[in-house]
Amino acid sequence: MIQGTATSDEPHTAVRDDTAARPAAAPVPGELARLGRRSFSRGLVAETQESGKNDFARPQRRDRPRNGEALRPGARQETLREANLLVLTEEIFAAAEPLSRADLSIRTGMTRSTVSRLVDELLAAGIVREGSPVVGGARGRPAVPLTPARKTLAGLGVEVNVNFMAARALDLTGAVLSEEIIEGDYRDSDPAQVLGSAGALAGRVAAAAQQTGARVVGTVAAIPGLVAGDERSLLYAPNLGWKSVDVIDAFGAGWPERPGFALVVNEAKLAALAVAEELTAEDLTEQTFIYLSAQAGIGSAVVVDGLVDPGPHGWAGEIGHLTVEPSGPQCSCGSTGCLEVYAGKHSLLQAAGLSPTGTAEDLVSLTEGDDDAAAQARAAVAQAGEALGVALSGAVNLVDVHDVVLGGEFAPLTDLLRSCIEAQLRQRVLAAEFCEFRVRESRSGLSPAASGGALRALRAVIEAPQDWVPAA
């Protein structure tokens, strides 16, 4: 859920409206950013690339901005208000226990009158709600706790994968308002037809969410492949057999009345976002881990202190196509010896002697026997675990993250895969003797990427609360 996801490592300065002070600090160029957030420097890089002037990795100085636009506009009264609204929103959503106006004043340094005025705006926007007053031992009025609002604003996540499509609407508390999952076989399918059906599915789920009283703010679609920087186009999805697809256009054909914005993001990144929320709520601390998920293919993402790092182009995490054995079998991507040909769902089921339509639960049951079929299944799992361990060892050596979370079809197999993965990590990770590894299971359920998409959509509310405050 959204609660507990404030960006604690992004510097914000709480500014009193009635004193002169500097505005909230801008994000540090190059720092890890929440999925979908663009740092100041990256925005300028994209701008200079489009202009054709250069393609350098760093933004170029412009003494006279084009069209009279300031590169870094100075603080105005409205700027201070927006910065303070953001600070209060993130404090409320990150708090383990509900905060009152007095608590917010102490935490941020704003005057109580400023906090009260801004909280009233958040209440009017339907971003937060008031609980029942709490009477304490101190003198004065009872404290009124503030929490994320229920059934007011909703994000919609849609996932299209090889063997299913799903849509899920979440409100600001992370509660599911409506959802629907449809099984199918979408390998080598017509993207326009499939995405049109996904749009129709999204429309039904959105309508059901709106019947609860919520307003859908935006939709984020999850696709298992490389997504272009415009966040609307798919470059390549080898397991679907799709290339160069304008996802938003095809999606909109099935849902022409779609409200709010629409984006496309890689499936594994959105699933990792949902898992980060799940584990943060469970452990009450920001999480750092490598997420590994199996559907038809294998996707992954690196999460550091609760932040998903998508890489400069959004393509980071394609571990399924990391080479485990250069002379190995050919992969659907055109290369040879990729991790997916050893540990992908279809390869694993085939090696275990099961039908391609089998499930991870079928495989677990088969390994529990004492006949030749069970022995074959255990050998298949061991081979997959070894390949996963080899690939993960390279990832751990590169990114210095020692926790691994298994999701998707890997989740039910965690107990069977853990020992094989950890054995490879201990053997191949240079820092193995100085650290501890942990391989654990995600319990985020079916289609975590749909939940991640809904959460990603709701970030638009958390990151710019002023846009949702009704006009005076």
Protein backbone atom coordinates (compact mmCIF):
# COMPACT_ATOMS: atom_id res chain seq x y z
CA MET A 1 0.00 0.00 0.00
CA ILE A 2 1.05 3.63 -0.35
CA GLN A 3 1.43 4.17 3.39
CA GLY A 4 5.05 3.94 4.43
CA THR A 5 6.54 5.02 1.11
CA ALA A 6 7.71 8.54 1.80
CA THR A 7 10.98 9.34 0.13
CA SER A 8 13.10 9.69 3.22
CA ASP A 9 16.34 10.03 1.25
CA GLU A 10 15.08 12.90 -0.89
CA PRO A 11 15.81 16.21 0.79
CA HIS A 12 12.74 18.36 1.42
CA THR A 13 12.84 21.55 3.43
CA ALA A 14 9.70 22.30 5.37
CA VAL A 15 9.20 26.06 4.90
CA ARG A 16 7.06 28.29 7.04
CA ASP A 17 4.76 30.45 4.97
CA ASP A 18 5.25 33.36 7.35
CA THR A 19 9.07 33.42 7.33
CA ALA A 20 11.67 33.91 4.63
CA ALA A 21 13.46 30.68 3.86
CA ARG A 22 14.82 28.65 1.00
CA PRO A 23 12.46 26.46 -1.01
CA ALA A 24 12.45 22.69 -0.86
CA ALA A 25 15.65 21.23 -2.22
CA ALA A 26 15.57 19.67 -5.67
CA PRO A 27 16.38 15.96 -6.04
CA VAL A 28 20.10 15.35 -6.32
CA PRO A 29 21.01 14.57 -9.96
CA GLY A 30 21.83 10.92 -10.43
CA GLU A 31 20.36 9.69 -7.18
CA LEU A 32 18.12 6.64 -7.07
CA ALA A 33 14.56 7.65 -7.82
CA ARG A 34 11.23 6.04 -7.23
CA LEU A 35 9.92 4.25 -10.26
CA GLY A 36 8.76 6.85 -12.76
CA ARG A 37 10.29 9.90 -11.08
CA ARG A 38 12.67 11.84 -13.31
CA SER A 39 15.55 13.75 -11.76
CA PHE A 40 16.33 17.32 -12.82
CA SER A 41 19.40 16.29 -14.80
CA ARG A 42 17.66 13.53 -16.72
CA GLY A 43 14.93 15.90 -17.81
CA LEU A 44 17.53 18.24 -19.27
CA VAL A 45 19.33 15.38 -21.01
CA ALA A 46 16.12 14.39 -22.77
CA GLU A 47 15.54 18.02 -23.74
CA THR A 48 18.99 18.48 -25.28
CA GLN A 49 18.75 15.17 -27.10
CA GLU A 50 15.46 16.20 -28.68
CA SER A 51 16.95 19.50 -29.76
CA GLY A 52 19.71 17.63 -31.60
CA LYS A 53 22.43 19.84 -30.08
CA ASN A 54 24.27 17.10 -28.21
CA ASP A 55 23.88 13.73 -26.60
CA PHE A 56 26.25 14.13 -23.68
CA ALA A 57 25.47 12.36 -20.42
CA ARG A 58 25.31 15.62 -18.46
CA PRO A 59 22.98 18.57 -19.00
CA GLN A 60 24.45 21.54 -20.80
CA ARG A 61 24.32 25.03 -19.36
CA ARG A 62 22.10 27.53 -21.16
CA ASP A 63 22.76 31.14 -20.22
CA ARG A 64 19.54 32.25 -21.88
CA PRO A 65 16.76 29.61 -21.59
CA ARG A 66 14.57 29.07 -24.63
CA ASN A 67 11.19 30.82 -24.74
CA GLY A 68 11.97 32.82 -21.64
CA GLU A 69 11.65 29.75 -19.39
CA ALA A 70 13.78 29.61 -16.27
CA LEU A 71 15.72 26.39 -15.80
CA ARG A 72 15.40 26.56 -12.03
CA PRO A 73 12.71 29.10 -11.17
CA GLY A 74 13.08 30.94 -7.89
CA ALA A 75 10.74 30.42 -4.98
CA ARG A 76 7.36 32.11 -5.01
CA GLN A 77 4.65 32.00 -2.37
CA GLU A 78 2.82 29.34 -4.40
CA THR A 79 6.06 27.36 -4.75
CA LEU A 80 6.44 27.31 -0.97
CA ARG A 81 2.86 26.16 -0.56
CA GLU A 82 3.37 23.29 -3.01
CA ALA A 83 6.61 22.24 -1.30
CA ASN A 84 4.96 22.23 2.11
CA LEU A 85 1.93 20.29 0.85
CA LEU A 86 4.32 17.65 -0.45
CA VAL A 87 6.19 17.48 2.85
CA LEU A 88 3.00 17.06 4.87
CA THR A 89 1.59 14.45 2.48
CA GLU A 90 4.71 12.31 2.61
CA GLU A 91 4.92 12.60 6.40
CA ILE A 92 1.32 11.40 6.76
CA PHE A 93 1.68 8.54 4.31
CA ALA A 94 5.04 7.40 5.74
CA ALA A 95 4.03 7.40 9.39
CA ALA A 96 3.76 4.02 11.11
CA GLU A 97 1.18 5.57 13.44
CA PRO A 98 -1.31 8.32 12.49
CA LEU A 99 -0.07 11.87 13.04
CA SER A 100 -2.02 14.87 14.27
CA ARG A 101 -1.63 18.47 13.18
CA ALA A 102 0.49 19.11 16.26
CA ASP A 103 2.73 16.16 15.38
CA LEU A 104 3.19 17.50 11.86
CA SER A 105 4.09 20.94 13.19
CA ILE A 106 6.79 19.43 15.41
CA ARG A 107 8.15 17.16 12.65
CA THR A 108 8.30 19.82 9.93
CA GLY A 109 8.92 23.04 11.85
CA MET A 110 5.90 24.72 10.25
CA THR A 111 3.64 26.83 12.40
CA ARG A 112 0.44 25.16 13.60
CA SER A 113 -1.67 27.64 11.63
CA THR A 114 0.23 26.80 8.42
CA VAL A 115 -0.13 23.07 9.04
CA SER A 116 -3.83 23.39 9.79
CA ARG A 117 -4.47 25.41 6.61
CA LEU A 118 -2.59 22.95 4.40
CA VAL A 119 -4.19 19.89 6.04
CA ASP A 120 -7.59 21.41 5.30
CA GLU A 121 -6.57 21.50 1.63
CA LEU A 122 -5.52 17.84 1.73
CA LEU A 123 -8.83 16.94 3.33
CA ALA A 124 -10.72 18.81 0.62
CA ALA A 125 -8.71 16.99 -2.04
CA GLY A 126 -9.64 13.60 -0.60
CA ILE A 127 -5.98 12.72 -0.02
CA VAL A 128 -6.19 12.37 3.77
CA ARG A 129 -8.99 11.86 6.26
CA GLU A 130 -9.50 12.59 9.92
CA GLY A 131 -9.98 9.88 12.52
CA SER A 132 -11.74 10.05 15.85
CA PRO A 133 -10.19 12.54 18.31
CA VAL A 134 -7.75 10.98 20.79
CA VAL A 135 -7.91 12.35 24.32
CA GLY A 136 -4.50 12.32 25.99
CA GLY A 137 -3.06 13.45 29.30
CA ALA A 138 -1.94 16.86 28.02
CA ARG A 139 -4.07 19.97 28.21
CA GLY A 140 -5.72 21.39 25.14
CA ARG A 141 -7.93 20.05 22.41
CA PRO A 142 -7.87 16.29 21.67
CA ALA A 143 -5.50 15.22 18.89
CA VAL A 144 -7.20 14.30 15.61
CA PRO A 145 -5.23 11.58 13.76
CA LEU A 146 -4.70 11.98 10.02
CA THR A 147 -4.47 8.97 7.71
CA PRO A 148 -4.65 8.26 3.95
CA ALA A 149 -8.19 8.66 2.64
CA ARG A 150 -10.32 5.67 1.70
CA LYS A 151 -12.26 5.27 -1.54
CA THR A 152 -11.65 8.80 -2.76
CA LEU A 153 -8.85 8.55 -5.35
CA ALA A 154 -7.81 5.30 -7.01
CA GLY A 155 -4.96 4.08 -9.19
CA LEU A 156 -5.54 1.42 -11.82
CA GLY A 157 -2.92 -1.17 -12.74
CA VAL A 158 -3.23 -3.45 -15.77
CA GLU A 159 -0.92 -6.36 -16.58
CA VAL A 160 -0.72 -8.19 -19.89
CA ASN A 161 1.44 -11.32 -19.70
CA VAL A 162 1.87 -14.46 -21.77
CA ASN A 163 -0.86 -16.51 -20.13
CA PHE A 164 -3.14 -13.96 -18.43
CA MET A 165 -4.22 -10.35 -18.22
CA ALA A 166 -5.28 -8.62 -15.03
CA ALA A 167 -6.57 -5.27 -13.82
CA ARG A 168 -6.70 -4.00 -10.24
CA ALA A 169 -7.81 -0.71 -8.67
CA LEU A 170 -6.35 0.41 -5.31
CA ASP A 171 -7.22 3.39 -3.17
CA LEU A 172 -4.75 5.52 -1.22
CA THR A 173 -4.73 3.07 1.70
CA GLY A 174 -3.69 0.23 -0.62
CA ALA A 175 -7.09 -1.46 -0.36
CA VAL A 176 -8.36 -3.31 -3.43
CA LEU A 177 -11.53 -1.67 -4.73
CA SER A 178 -12.03 -3.95 -7.71
CA GLU A 179 -10.07 -6.46 -9.79
CA GLU A 180 -10.41 -9.02 -12.55
CA ILE A 181 -8.03 -11.65 -13.94
CA ILE A 182 -8.51 -13.46 -17.27
CA GLU A 183 -6.47 -16.48 -18.30
CA GLY A 184 -5.40 -16.86 -21.93
CA ASP A 185 -2.56 -17.63 -24.30
CA TYR A 186 -1.12 -14.43 -25.72
CA ARG A 187 2.18 -15.74 -27.10
CA ASP A 188 2.70 -14.56 -30.72
CA SER A 189 -0.69 -12.83 -30.61
CA ASP A 190 -1.95 -9.70 -32.33
CA PRO A 191 -0.98 -6.85 -29.96
CA ALA A 192 -3.77 -4.56 -31.14
CA GLN A 193 -6.41 -7.19 -30.39
CA VAL A 194 -4.95 -8.22 -27.03
CA LEU A 195 -4.35 -4.66 -25.83
CA GLY A 196 -7.84 -3.66 -26.94
CA SER A 197 -9.22 -6.47 -24.79
CA ALA A 198 -7.01 -5.30 -21.92
CA GLY A 199 -8.45 -1.80 -22.32
CA ALA A 200 -11.98 -3.17 -22.12
CA LEU A 201 -10.99 -5.14 -19.00
CA ALA A 202 -9.55 -1.99 -17.44
CA GLY A 203 -12.76 -0.12 -18.20
CA ARG A 204 -14.85 -2.70 -16.35
CA VAL A 205 -12.56 -2.65 -13.31
CA ALA A 206 -12.47 1.15 -13.28
CA ALA A 207 -16.27 1.32 -13.43
CA ALA A 208 -16.51 -1.05 -10.47
CA ALA A 209 -14.05 1.12 -8.52
CA GLN A 210 -16.01 4.25 -9.33
CA GLN A 211 -19.15 2.62 -7.96
CA THR A 212 -17.44 2.63 -4.54
CA GLY A 213 -17.18 6.43 -4.78
CA ALA A 214 -13.55 6.62 -5.93
CA ARG A 215 -12.17 8.62 -8.85
CA VAL A 216 -9.56 6.91 -11.04
CA VAL A 217 -6.57 9.26 -11.35
CA GLY A 218 -4.59 7.27 -13.91
CA THR A 219 -3.73 3.89 -15.37
CA VAL A 220 -0.35 2.17 -15.56
CA ALA A 221 0.03 -0.89 -17.78
CA ALA A 222 2.62 -3.60 -17.09
CA ILE A 223 4.22 -5.39 -20.05
CA PRO A 224 6.99 -8.05 -19.83
CA GLY A 225 9.52 -6.42 -22.12
CA LEU A 226 11.58 -3.35 -22.97
CA VAL A 227 9.54 -0.15 -22.73
CA ALA A 228 10.58 3.05 -24.49
CA GLY A 229 11.44 6.20 -22.58
CA ASP A 230 8.15 7.81 -23.62
CA GLU A 231 6.37 5.31 -21.32
CA ARG A 232 3.79 4.56 -23.97
CA SER A 233 5.62 2.34 -26.47
CA LEU A 234 6.85 -1.24 -26.20
CA LEU A 235 10.16 -1.87 -27.93
CA TYR A 236 10.41 -5.64 -27.60
CA ALA A 237 8.66 -8.39 -25.62
CA PRO A 238 10.25 -11.69 -26.74
CA ASN A 239 7.88 -13.97 -24.85
CA LEU A 240 4.85 -12.23 -26.31
CA GLY A 241 6.43 -11.99 -29.75
CA TRP A 242 5.72 -8.24 -29.91
CA LYS A 243 7.94 -5.49 -31.32
CA SER A 244 7.47 -1.73 -31.72
CA VAL A 245 3.95 -1.42 -30.35
CA ASP A 246 2.22 1.81 -29.32
CA VAL A 247 0.59 0.30 -26.24
CA ILE A 248 -1.41 3.38 -25.24
CA ASP A 249 -3.07 3.76 -28.64
CA ALA A 250 -4.04 0.07 -28.79
CA PHE A 251 -5.11 0.11 -25.15
CA GLY A 252 -7.24 3.22 -25.66
CA ALA A 253 -9.09 1.60 -28.55
CA GLY A 254 -10.70 -0.77 -26.07
CA TRP A 255 -11.38 1.97 -23.50
CA PRO A 256 -11.87 5.29 -25.31
CA GLU A 257 -13.40 7.05 -22.28
CA ARG A 258 -10.35 6.30 -20.09
CA PRO A 259 -9.95 8.95 -17.34
CA GLY A 260 -6.64 10.46 -16.27
CA PHE A 261 -3.20 9.66 -17.61
CA ALA A 262 -1.90 6.35 -18.95
CA LEU A 263 1.65 4.97 -18.83
CA VAL A 264 3.44 1.74 -19.73
CA VAL A 265 6.14 0.26 -17.47
CA ASN A 266 8.07 -3.00 -17.42
CA GLU A 267 6.18 -5.74 -15.55
CA ALA A 268 9.02 -6.77 -13.22
CA LYS A 269 9.64 -3.17 -12.08
CA LEU A 270 6.00 -2.73 -11.11
CA ALA A 271 5.90 -6.11 -9.37
CA ALA A 272 9.01 -5.13 -7.39
CA LEU A 273 7.30 -1.89 -6.38
CA ALA A 274 4.35 -3.86 -4.99
CA VAL A 275 6.66 -6.29 -3.20
CA ALA A 276 8.64 -3.39 -1.68
CA GLU A 277 5.38 -2.01 -0.28
CA GLU A 278 4.44 -5.45 1.06
CA LEU A 279 7.77 -6.02 2.81
CA THR A 280 8.00 -2.47 4.13
CA ALA A 281 4.58 -2.81 5.76
CA GLU A 282 5.62 -6.18 7.17
CA ASP A 283 9.05 -5.16 8.54
CA LEU A 284 8.25 -1.46 9.21
CA THR A 285 11.46 -0.43 7.47
CA GLU A 286 12.48 0.39 3.92
CA GLN A 287 13.68 -2.67 2.03
CA THR A 288 16.76 -3.43 -0.07
CA PHE A 289 16.65 -6.55 -2.25
CA ILE A 290 16.90 -8.09 -5.71
CA TYR A 291 13.47 -9.15 -6.92
CA LEU A 292 13.27 -12.16 -9.22
CA SER A 293 9.99 -13.21 -10.81
CA ALA A 294 9.01 -16.01 -13.17
CA GLN A 295 6.01 -15.99 -15.43
CA ALA A 296 6.70 -17.17 -18.98
CA GLY A 297 10.04 -15.39 -18.72
CA ILE A 298 12.19 -14.20 -15.84
CA GLY A 299 12.17 -10.56 -14.80
CA SER A 300 14.01 -8.77 -12.03
CA ALA A 301 14.53 -5.41 -10.40
CA VAL A 302 16.87 -3.92 -7.83
CA VAL A 303 15.22 -2.17 -4.88
CA VAL A 304 17.42 -0.01 -2.61
CA ASP A 305 15.86 1.50 0.52
CA GLY A 306 12.40 0.97 -0.93
CA LEU A 307 13.27 2.64 -4.24
CA VAL A 308 13.09 0.75 -7.54
CA ASP A 309 16.02 1.67 -9.78
CA PRO A 310 14.92 1.29 -13.41
CA GLY A 311 18.22 2.40 -14.95
CA PRO A 312 18.72 5.39 -17.27
CA HIS A 313 16.45 3.97 -19.98
CA GLY A 314 14.19 1.89 -17.73
CA TRP A 315 15.73 -1.35 -19.05
CA ALA A 316 17.62 -2.51 -15.96
CA GLY A 317 16.80 -5.96 -14.61
CA GLU A 318 16.66 -8.19 -17.70
CA ILE A 319 18.31 -11.00 -15.76
CA GLY A 320 16.34 -13.62 -17.70
CA HIS A 321 18.58 -12.90 -20.67
CA LEU A 322 21.83 -12.93 -18.74
CA THR A 323 24.06 -15.64 -20.22
CA VAL A 324 24.55 -18.62 -17.93
CA GLU A 325 26.22 -20.86 -20.53
CA PRO A 326 27.32 -19.26 -23.86
CA SER A 327 27.13 -22.60 -25.70
CA GLY A 328 23.71 -23.44 -24.24
CA PRO A 329 20.35 -23.77 -26.03
CA GLN A 330 18.90 -20.90 -28.05
CA CYS A 331 16.60 -18.51 -26.24
CA SER A 332 13.48 -16.80 -27.62
CA CYS A 333 15.43 -13.52 -27.58
CA GLY A 334 17.82 -14.91 -30.24
CA SER A 335 20.81 -15.39 -27.95
CA THR A 336 22.03 -18.69 -26.49
CA GLY A 337 22.40 -20.02 -22.96
CA CYS A 338 20.19 -17.39 -21.29
CA LEU A 339 18.93 -17.96 -17.75
CA GLU A 340 15.39 -18.40 -19.08
CA VAL A 341 16.28 -21.57 -21.02
CA TYR A 342 17.38 -23.19 -17.75
CA ALA A 343 15.06 -21.67 -15.15
CA GLY A 344 12.12 -20.19 -17.05
CA LYS A 345 8.71 -21.64 -16.25
CA HIS A 346 8.30 -23.63 -19.46
CA SER A 347 11.87 -24.95 -19.38
CA LEU A 348 11.54 -25.98 -15.75
CA LEU A 349 8.21 -27.76 -16.27
CA GLN A 350 9.53 -29.55 -19.34
CA ALA A 351 12.67 -30.70 -17.52
CA ALA A 352 10.48 -32.00 -14.68
CA GLY A 353 8.31 -33.98 -17.11
CA LEU A 354 5.22 -31.81 -16.63
CA SER A 355 2.88 -30.24 -19.17
CA PRO A 356 3.54 -26.61 -20.21
CA THR A 357 0.17 -25.78 -18.65
CA GLY A 358 1.31 -27.07 -15.25
CA THR A 359 1.82 -24.84 -12.23
CA ALA A 360 4.51 -24.35 -9.63
CA GLU A 361 2.23 -26.08 -7.14
CA ASP A 362 2.10 -29.13 -9.45
CA LEU A 363 5.88 -29.20 -9.46
CA VAL A 364 6.10 -28.96 -5.67
CA SER A 365 3.68 -31.87 -5.29
CA LEU A 366 5.65 -33.96 -7.78
CA THR A 367 8.94 -33.46 -5.91
CA GLU A 368 7.40 -34.90 -2.73
CA GLY A 369 7.09 -38.43 -4.16
CA ASP A 370 9.66 -41.24 -3.99
CA ASP A 371 9.51 -42.56 -7.55
CA ASP A 372 11.51 -41.83 -10.71
CA ALA A 373 9.17 -38.98 -11.68
CA ALA A 374 9.81 -37.29 -8.34
CA ALA A 375 13.56 -37.73 -8.75
CA GLN A 376 13.38 -36.15 -12.21
CA ALA A 377 11.40 -33.21 -10.81
CA ARG A 378 13.91 -32.66 -7.99
CA ALA A 379 16.78 -32.75 -10.49
CA ALA A 380 15.01 -30.15 -12.65
CA VAL A 381 14.54 -27.86 -9.66
CA ALA A 382 18.18 -28.30 -8.65
CA GLN A 383 19.35 -27.40 -12.17
CA ALA A 384 17.14 -24.31 -12.20
CA GLY A 385 18.35 -23.30 -8.72
CA GLU A 386 21.97 -23.63 -9.79
CA ALA A 387 21.38 -21.48 -12.87
CA LEU A 388 19.55 -18.88 -10.77
CA GLY A 389 22.41 -18.88 -8.28
CA VAL A 390 24.99 -18.31 -11.02
CA ALA A 391 23.03 -15.40 -12.47
CA LEU A 392 22.27 -13.88 -9.08
CA SER A 393 25.92 -14.14 -8.04
CA GLY A 394 26.86 -11.85 -10.92
CA ALA A 395 24.09 -9.45 -9.95
CA VAL A 396 25.13 -9.43 -6.27
CA ASN A 397 28.77 -8.77 -7.20
CA LEU A 398 27.65 -5.81 -9.31
CA VAL A 399 25.06 -4.12 -7.09
CA ASP A 400 26.10 -5.20 -3.55
CA VAL A 401 22.58 -6.29 -2.54
CA HIS A 402 22.41 -9.53 -0.56
CA ASP A 403 18.69 -10.14 -0.08
CA VAL A 404 16.81 -12.01 -2.81
CA VAL A 405 13.01 -12.09 -3.03
CA LEU A 406 11.40 -14.70 -5.28
CA GLY A 407 8.01 -13.91 -6.79
CA GLY A 408 5.63 -15.11 -9.45
CA GLU A 409 5.98 -18.83 -10.24
CA PHE A 410 9.22 -18.89 -8.24
CA ALA A 411 7.46 -17.98 -4.98
CA PRO A 412 5.96 -21.46 -4.25
CA LEU A 413 9.34 -23.00 -5.11
CA THR A 414 11.35 -20.85 -2.70
CA ASP A 415 11.99 -23.62 -0.15
CA LEU A 416 13.16 -25.96 -2.94
CA LEU A 417 15.36 -23.38 -4.66
CA ARG A 418 16.89 -21.67 -1.62
CA SER A 419 19.73 -24.11 -0.85
CA CYS A 420 20.88 -24.29 -4.50
CA ILE A 421 20.85 -20.50 -4.88
CA GLU A 422 22.66 -19.88 -1.60
CA ALA A 423 25.33 -22.48 -2.43
CA GLN A 424 26.18 -20.61 -5.64
CA LEU A 425 26.16 -17.25 -3.85
CA ARG A 426 28.58 -18.51 -1.22
CA GLN A 427 30.88 -19.88 -3.91
CA ARG A 428 30.78 -17.05 -6.44
CA VAL A 429 30.21 -13.77 -4.56
CA LEU A 430 33.54 -12.14 -3.68
CA ALA A 431 32.26 -10.69 -0.41
CA ALA A 432 30.50 -13.91 0.65
CA GLU A 433 32.59 -14.44 3.80
CA PHE A 434 31.79 -10.92 5.01
CA CYS A 435 28.03 -10.89 4.53
CA GLU A 436 24.90 -12.97 4.93
CA PHE A 437 22.51 -13.92 2.16
CA ARG A 438 18.78 -14.23 2.49
CA VAL A 439 16.46 -15.83 -0.07
CA ARG A 440 12.80 -15.32 0.79
CA GLU A 441 9.38 -15.66 -0.76
CA SER A 442 7.06 -12.90 -1.86
CA ARG A 443 3.47 -13.33 -0.74
CA SER A 444 2.08 -10.57 -2.93
CA GLY A 445 -0.34 -12.97 -4.65
CA LEU A 446 -1.52 -13.05 -8.24
CA SER A 447 -0.33 -10.35 -10.61
CA PRO A 448 1.72 -8.12 -8.28
CA ALA A 449 2.52 -5.97 -11.32
CA ALA A 450 -1.14 -4.92 -11.50
CA SER A 451 -0.89 -3.76 -7.87
CA GLY A 452 2.41 -2.06 -8.66
CA GLY A 453 0.80 -0.27 -11.57
CA ALA A 454 -1.98 1.04 -9.34
CA LEU A 455 0.58 2.22 -6.78
CA ARG A 456 2.62 3.88 -9.51
CA ALA A 457 -0.50 5.72 -10.68
CA LEU A 458 -1.21 6.91 -7.14
CA ARG A 459 2.31 8.34 -6.87
CA ALA A 460 1.00 11.16 -9.07
CA VAL A 461 -1.18 12.19 -6.13
CA ILE A 462 1.54 11.84 -3.49
CA GLU A 463 4.17 13.68 -5.54
CA ALA A 464 1.96 16.61 -6.55
CA PRO A 465 -0.88 16.95 -4.01
CA GLN A 466 -1.50 20.56 -5.05
CA ASP A 467 -2.85 19.32 -8.40
CA TRP A 468 -5.73 17.58 -6.62
CA VAL A 469 -6.80 20.40 -4.30
CA PRO A 470 -10.15 21.86 -5.48
CA ALA A 471 -10.04 25.43 -6.73
CA ALA A 472 -11.09 27.96 -4.12
